[in-house]
All heavy atoms as atom14 arrays in JSON, in Angstrom:
{
  "sequence": "RSVWVSGGRAWAEAAYRPTHVAEHVVPAIH",
  "atom14_mask": [
    [1, 1, 1, 1, 1, 1, 1, 1, 1, 1, 1, 0, 0, 0],
    [1, 1, 1, 1, 1, 1, 0, 0, 0, 0, 0, 0, 0, 0],
    [1, 1, 1, 1, 1, 1, 1, 0, 0, 0, 0, 0, 0, 0],
    [1, 1, 1, 1, 1, 1, 1, 1, 1, 1, 1, 1, 1, 1],
    [1, 1, 1, 1, 1, 1, 1, 0, 0, 0, 0, 0, 0, 0],
    [1, 1, 1, 1, 1, 1, 0, 0, 0, 0, 0, 0, 0, 0],
    [1, 1, 1, 1, 0, 0, 0, 0, 0, 0, 0, 0, 0, 0],
    [1, 1, 1, 1, 0, 0, 0, 0, 0, 0, 0, 0, 0, 0],
    [1, 1, 1, 1, 1, 1, 1, 1, 1, 1, 1, 0, 0, 0],
    [1, 1, 1, 1, 1, 0, 0, 0, 0, 0, 0, 0, 0, 0],
    [1, 1, 1, 1, 1, 1, 1, 1, 1, 1, 1, 1, 1, 1],
    [1, 1, 1, 1, 1, 0, 0, 0, 0, 0, 0, 0, 0, 0],
    [1, 1, 1, 1, 1, 1, 1, 1, 1, 0, 0, 0, 0, 0],
    [1, 1, 1, 1, 1, 0, 0, 0, 0, 0, 0, 0, 0, 0],
    [1, 1, 1, 1, 1, 0, 0, 0, 0, 0, 0, 0, 0, 0],
    [1, 1, 1, 1, 1, 1, 1, 1, 1, 1, 1, 1, 0, 0],
    [1, 1, 1, 1, 1, 1, 1, 1, 1, 1, 1, 0, 0, 0],
    [1, 1, 1, 1, 1, 1, 1, 0, 0, 0, 0, 0, 0, 0],
    [1, 1, 1, 1, 1, 1, 1, 0, 0, 0, 0, 0, 0, 0],
    [1, 1, 1, 1, 1, 1, 1, 1, 1, 1, 0, 0, 0, 0],
    [1, 1, 1, 1, 1, 1, 1, 0, 0, 0, 0, 0, 0, 0],
    [1, 1, 1, 1, 1, 0, 0, 0, 0, 0, 0, 0, 0, 0],
    [1, 1, 1, 1, 1, 1, 1, 1, 1, 0, 0, 0, 0, 0],
    [1, 1, 1, 1, 1, 1, 1, 1, 1, 1, 0, 0, 0, 0],
    [1, 1, 1, 1, 1, 1, 1, 0, 0, 0, 0, 0, 0, 0],
    [1, 1, 1, 1, 1, 1, 1, 0, 0, 0, 0, 0, 0, 0],
    [1, 1, 1, 1, 1, 1, 1, 0, 0, 0, 0, 0, 0, 0],
    [1, 1, 1, 1, 1, 0, 0, 0, 0, 0, 0, 0, 0, 0],
    [1, 1, 1, 1, 1, 1, 1, 1, 0, 0, 0, 0, 0, 0],
    [1, 1, 1, 1, 1, 1, 1, 1, 1, 1, 0, 0, 0, 0]
  ],
  "atom14_positions": [
    [[115.22, -66.39, 69.41], [115.68, -66.57, 70.79], [115.68, -68.05, 71.12], [114.97, -68.83, 70.48], [114.78, -65.79, 71.75], [114.89, -64.28, 71.52], [113.92, -63.52, 72.37], [112.58, -63.68, 71.8], [111.49, -63.11, 72.29], [111.55, -62.39, 73.39], [110.32, -63.28, 71.72], [0.0, 0.0, 0.0], [0.0, 0.0, 0.0], [0.0, 0.0, 0.0]],
    [[116.47, -68.42, 72.14], [116.58, -69.85, 72.45], [116.62, -70.09, 73.95], [117.09, -69.25, 74.71], [117.84, -70.43, 71.82], [118.99, -69.79, 72.33], [0.0, 0.0, 0.0], [0.0, 0.0, 0.0], [0.0, 0.0, 0.0], [0.0, 0.0, 0.0], [0.0, 0.0, 0.0], [0.0, 0.0, 0.0], [0.0, 0.0, 0.0], [0.0, 0.0, 0.0]],
    [[116.13, -71.25, 74.33], [116.29, -71.75, 75.7], [116.97, -73.1, 75.57], [116.47, -74.0, 74.88], [114.94, -71.92, 76.44], [115.2, -72.46, 77.85], [114.19, -70.61, 76.52], [0.0, 0.0, 0.0], [0.0, 0.0, 0.0], [0.0, 0.0, 0.0], [0.0, 0.0, 0.0], [0.0, 0.0, 0.0], [0.0, 0.0, 0.0], [0.0, 0.0, 0.0]],
    [[118.12, -73.21, 76.19], [118.83, -74.49, 76.22], [118.42, -75.24, 77.47], [118.54, -74.73, 78.58], [120.33, -74.26, 76.21], [121.14, -75.52, 76.27], [120.98, -76.63, 75.47], [122.2, -75.82, 77.15], [121.9, -77.59, 75.81], [122.67, -77.11, 76.85], [122.82, -75.12, 78.17], [123.71, -77.71, 77.53], [123.86, -75.72, 78.84], [124.29, -77.0, 78.52]],
    [[117.91, -76.44, 77.31], [117.56, -77.31, 78.43], [118.83, -78.1, 78.75], [119.2, -79.03, 78.04], [116.38, -78.23, 78.06], [116.03, -79.12, 79.24], [115.16, -77.4, 77.63], [0.0, 0.0, 0.0], [0.0, 0.0, 0.0], [0.0, 0.0, 0.0], [0.0, 0.0, 0.0], [0.0, 0.0, 0.0], [0.0, 0.0, 0.0], [0.0, 0.0, 0.0]],
    [[119.52, -77.67, 79.81], [120.86, -78.15, 80.09], [120.93, -79.54, 80.71], [121.94, -80.22, 80.57], [121.58, -77.17, 81.01], [121.03, -77.21, 82.32], [0.0, 0.0, 0.0], [0.0, 0.0, 0.0], [0.0, 0.0, 0.0], [0.0, 0.0, 0.0], [0.0, 0.0, 0.0], [0.0, 0.0, 0.0], [0.0, 0.0, 0.0], [0.0, 0.0, 0.0]],
    [[119.9, -79.92, 81.45], [119.98, -81.19, 82.15], [121.13, -81.24, 83.13], [121.67, -82.3, 83.43], [0.0, 0.0, 0.0], [0.0, 0.0, 0.0], [0.0, 0.0, 0.0], [0.0, 0.0, 0.0], [0.0, 0.0, 0.0], [0.0, 0.0, 0.0], [0.0, 0.0, 0.0], [0.0, 0.0, 0.0], [0.0, 0.0, 0.0], [0.0, 0.0, 0.0]],
    [[121.57, -80.08, 83.6], [122.67, -79.98, 84.55], [124.04, -79.86, 83.91], [125.04, -79.74, 84.61], [0.0, 0.0, 0.0], [0.0, 0.0, 0.0], [0.0, 0.0, 0.0], [0.0, 0.0, 0.0], [0.0, 0.0, 0.0], [0.0, 0.0, 0.0], [0.0, 0.0, 0.0], [0.0, 0.0, 0.0], [0.0, 0.0, 0.0], [0.0, 0.0, 0.0]],
    [[124.1, -79.87, 82.58], [125.39, -79.75, 81.89], [125.83, -78.3, 81.81], [125.0, -77.39, 81.79], [125.28, -80.3, 80.46], [124.94, -81.77, 80.39], [124.62, -82.2, 78.98], [123.34, -81.58, 78.59], [122.89, -81.49, 77.36], [123.62, -81.94, 76.35], [121.72, -80.94, 77.09], [0.0, 0.0, 0.0], [0.0, 0.0, 0.0], [0.0, 0.0, 0.0]],
    [[127.14, -78.09, 81.75], [127.7, -76.75, 81.59], [127.74, -76.39, 80.11], [127.95, -77.25, 79.25], [129.11, -76.69, 82.17], [0.0, 0.0, 0.0], [0.0, 0.0, 0.0], [0.0, 0.0, 0.0], [0.0, 0.0, 0.0], [0.0, 0.0, 0.0], [0.0, 0.0, 0.0], [0.0, 0.0, 0.0], [0.0, 0.0, 0.0], [0.0, 0.0, 0.0]],
    [[127.56, -75.11, 79.8], [127.63, -74.64, 78.43], [129.09, -74.62, 78.0], [129.95, -74.09, 78.7], [127.02, -73.24, 78.31], [126.99, -72.77, 76.9], [127.83, -71.87, 76.31], [126.09, -73.2, 75.88], [127.51, -71.71, 74.99], [126.43, -72.53, 74.7], [125.03, -74.1, 75.85], [125.76, -72.71, 73.5], [124.36, -74.28, 74.66], [124.71, -73.59, 73.5]],
    [[129.41, -75.15, 76.83], [130.8, -75.27, 76.39], [131.1, -74.59, 75.05], [132.24, -74.57, 74.63], [131.18, -76.75, 76.3], [0.0, 0.0, 0.0], [0.0, 0.0, 0.0], [0.0, 0.0, 0.0], [0.0, 0.0, 0.0], [0.0, 0.0, 0.0], [0.0, 0.0, 0.0], [0.0, 0.0, 0.0], [0.0, 0.0, 0.0], [0.0, 0.0, 0.0]],
    [[130.09, -74.06, 74.39], [130.31, -73.43, 73.08], [130.75, -71.99, 73.25], [130.18, -71.26, 74.06], [129.01, -73.48, 72.25], [128.51, -74.87, 71.96], [129.44, -75.65, 71.05], [130.15, -75.03, 70.23], [129.45, -76.88, 71.16], [0.0, 0.0, 0.0], [0.0, 0.0, 0.0], [0.0, 0.0, 0.0], [0.0, 0.0, 0.0], [0.0, 0.0, 0.0]],
    [[131.74, -71.57, 72.48], [132.23, -70.19, 72.57], [131.64, -69.29, 71.5], [131.53, -68.08, 71.68], [133.74, -70.17, 72.48], [0.0, 0.0, 0.0], [0.0, 0.0, 0.0], [0.0, 0.0, 0.0], [0.0, 0.0, 0.0], [0.0, 0.0, 0.0], [0.0, 0.0, 0.0], [0.0, 0.0, 0.0], [0.0, 0.0, 0.0], [0.0, 0.0, 0.0]],
    [[131.23, -69.86, 70.37], [130.79, -69.06, 69.22], [129.38, -68.51, 69.35], [129.03, -67.54, 68.67], [130.91, -69.89, 67.95], [0.0, 0.0, 0.0], [0.0, 0.0, 0.0], [0.0, 0.0, 0.0], [0.0, 0.0, 0.0], [0.0, 0.0, 0.0], [0.0, 0.0, 0.0], [0.0, 0.0, 0.0], [0.0, 0.0, 0.0], [0.0, 0.0, 0.0]],
    [[128.56, -69.09, 70.17], [127.17, -68.65, 70.34], [126.7, -69.1, 71.72], [127.3, -69.97, 72.34], [126.27, -69.23, 69.24], [126.39, -70.73, 69.09], [125.59, -71.59, 69.83], [127.33, -71.29, 68.23], [125.72, -72.97, 69.72], [127.46, -72.66, 68.11], [126.66, -73.49, 68.86], [126.79, -74.84, 68.75], [0.0, 0.0, 0.0], [0.0, 0.0, 0.0]],
    [[125.63, -68.46, 72.19], [125.08, -68.77, 73.51], [123.56, -68.76, 73.43], [122.99, -68.03, 72.62], [125.52, -67.73, 74.54], [127.02, -67.66, 74.73], [127.41, -66.86, 75.95], [126.86, -67.38, 77.19], [127.32, -68.44, 77.87], [128.33, -69.12, 77.4], [126.77, -68.81, 79.0], [0.0, 0.0, 0.0], [0.0, 0.0, 0.0], [0.0, 0.0, 0.0]],
    [[122.9, -69.52, 74.3], [121.44, -69.45, 74.35], [120.99, -68.14, 74.99], [121.73, -67.53, 75.77], [121.07, -70.65, 75.23], [122.27, -70.87, 76.09], [123.45, -70.49, 75.26], [0.0, 0.0, 0.0], [0.0, 0.0, 0.0], [0.0, 0.0, 0.0], [0.0, 0.0, 0.0], [0.0, 0.0, 0.0], [0.0, 0.0, 0.0], [0.0, 0.0, 0.0]],
    [[119.79, -67.74, 74.68], [119.21, -66.57, 75.32], [118.97, -66.84, 76.8], [119.15, -65.97, 77.64], [117.86, -66.21, 74.64], [118.07, -66.11, 73.24], [117.28, -64.93, 75.2], [0.0, 0.0, 0.0], [0.0, 0.0, 0.0], [0.0, 0.0, 0.0], [0.0, 0.0, 0.0], [0.0, 0.0, 0.0], [0.0, 0.0, 0.0], [0.0, 0.0, 0.0]],
    [[118.58, -68.06, 77.1], [118.27, -68.46, 78.48], [118.66, -69.93, 78.66], [118.62, -70.7, 77.7], [116.77, -68.28, 78.75], [116.37, -68.58, 80.15], [116.66, -67.75, 81.2], [115.71, -69.65, 80.67], [116.18, -68.29, 82.32], [115.61, -69.45, 82.01], [0.0, 0.0, 0.0], [0.0, 0.0, 0.0], [0.0, 0.0, 0.0], [0.0, 0.0, 0.0]],
    [[119.04, -70.28, 79.88], [119.36, -71.67, 80.21], [118.41, -72.13, 81.31], [118.22, -71.43, 82.3], [120.82, -71.81, 80.71], [121.11, -73.24, 81.15], [121.8, -71.36, 79.64], [0.0, 0.0, 0.0], [0.0, 0.0, 0.0], [0.0, 0.0, 0.0], [0.0, 0.0, 0.0], [0.0, 0.0, 0.0], [0.0, 0.0, 0.0], [0.0, 0.0, 0.0]],
    [[117.82, -73.3, 81.12], [116.97, -73.91, 82.14], [117.44, -75.35, 82.32], [117.84, -76.0, 81.36], [115.51, -73.89, 81.7], [0.0, 0.0, 0.0], [0.0, 0.0, 0.0], [0.0, 0.0, 0.0], [0.0, 0.0, 0.0], [0.0, 0.0, 0.0], [0.0, 0.0, 0.0], [0.0, 0.0, 0.0], [0.0, 0.0, 0.0], [0.0, 0.0, 0.0]],
    [[117.4, -75.83, 83.53], [117.86, -77.19, 83.78], [116.9, -78.24, 83.24], [117.32, -79.31, 82.8], [118.1, -77.42, 85.27], [118.82, -78.72, 85.55], [119.35, -78.83, 86.96], [119.42, -77.82, 87.67], [119.68, -79.96, 87.34], [0.0, 0.0, 0.0], [0.0, 0.0, 0.0], [0.0, 0.0, 0.0], [0.0, 0.0, 0.0], [0.0, 0.0, 0.0]],
    [[115.61, -77.93, 83.26], [114.59, -78.89, 82.82], [113.6, -78.19, 81.89], [113.53, -76.96, 81.84], [113.84, -79.48, 84.01], [114.75, -80.17, 84.98], [115.34, -81.38, 84.72], [115.18, -79.8, 86.2], [116.09, -81.74, 85.74], [116.02, -80.79, 86.65], [0.0, 0.0, 0.0], [0.0, 0.0, 0.0], [0.0, 0.0, 0.0], [0.0, 0.0, 0.0]],
    [[112.78, -78.96, 81.2], [111.89, -78.42, 80.18], [110.77, -77.55, 80.77], [110.38, -76.55, 80.15], [111.34, -79.53, 79.26], [110.34, -80.41, 79.98], [110.74, -78.94, 78.0], [0.0, 0.0, 0.0], [0.0, 0.0, 0.0], [0.0, 0.0, 0.0], [0.0, 0.0, 0.0], [0.0, 0.0, 0.0], [0.0, 0.0, 0.0], [0.0, 0.0, 0.0]],
    [[110.23, -77.9, 81.94], [109.12, -77.11, 82.49], [109.56, -75.67, 82.79], [108.88, -74.73, 82.36], [108.5, -77.81, 83.72], [107.51, -76.9, 84.42], [107.83, -79.11, 83.31], [0.0, 0.0, 0.0], [0.0, 0.0, 0.0], [0.0, 0.0, 0.0], [0.0, 0.0, 0.0], [0.0, 0.0, 0.0], [0.0, 0.0, 0.0], [0.0, 0.0, 0.0]],
    [[110.69, -75.44, 83.47], [111.12, -74.05, 83.65], [111.44, -73.36, 82.31], [111.26, -72.16, 82.19], [112.37, -74.16, 84.52], [112.34, -75.5, 85.13], [111.52, -76.37, 84.22], [0.0, 0.0, 0.0], [0.0, 0.0, 0.0], [0.0, 0.0, 0.0], [0.0, 0.0, 0.0], [0.0, 0.0, 0.0], [0.0, 0.0, 0.0], [0.0, 0.0, 0.0]],
    [[111.9, -74.13, 81.33], [112.17, -73.54, 80.02], [110.89, -72.99, 79.4], [110.85, -71.87, 78.9], [112.8, -74.59, 79.1], [0.0, 0.0, 0.0], [0.0, 0.0, 0.0], [0.0, 0.0, 0.0], [0.0, 0.0, 0.0], [0.0, 0.0, 0.0], [0.0, 0.0, 0.0], [0.0, 0.0, 0.0], [0.0, 0.0, 0.0], [0.0, 0.0, 0.0]],
    [[109.84, -73.77, 79.45], [108.55, -73.35, 78.9], [107.99, -72.17, 79.69], [107.48, -71.2, 79.09], [107.57, -74.52, 78.85], [108.06, -75.55, 77.82], [106.15, -74.05, 78.52], [107.34, -76.87, 77.85], [0.0, 0.0, 0.0], [0.0, 0.0, 0.0], [0.0, 0.0, 0.0], [0.0, 0.0, 0.0], [0.0, 0.0, 0.0], [0.0, 0.0, 0.0]],
    [[108.12, -72.18, 80.99], [107.65, -71.05, 81.81], [108.39, -69.77, 81.43], [107.79, -68.7, 81.39], [107.82, -71.35, 83.29], [106.78, -72.29, 83.82], [106.42, -72.32, 85.13], [106.03, -73.23, 83.21], [105.5, -73.25, 85.31], [105.24, -73.81, 84.15], [0.0, 0.0, 0.0], [0.0, 0.0, 0.0], [0.0, 0.0, 0.0], [0.0, 0.0, 0.0]]
  ]
}
């Protein structure tokens, strides 16, 4: 499983997706 730390960026990949998206690392870890 994965958490992408977006930093406010939009996801642009079509072939795969993260399990979860968080804007910053602290919410990702939570």
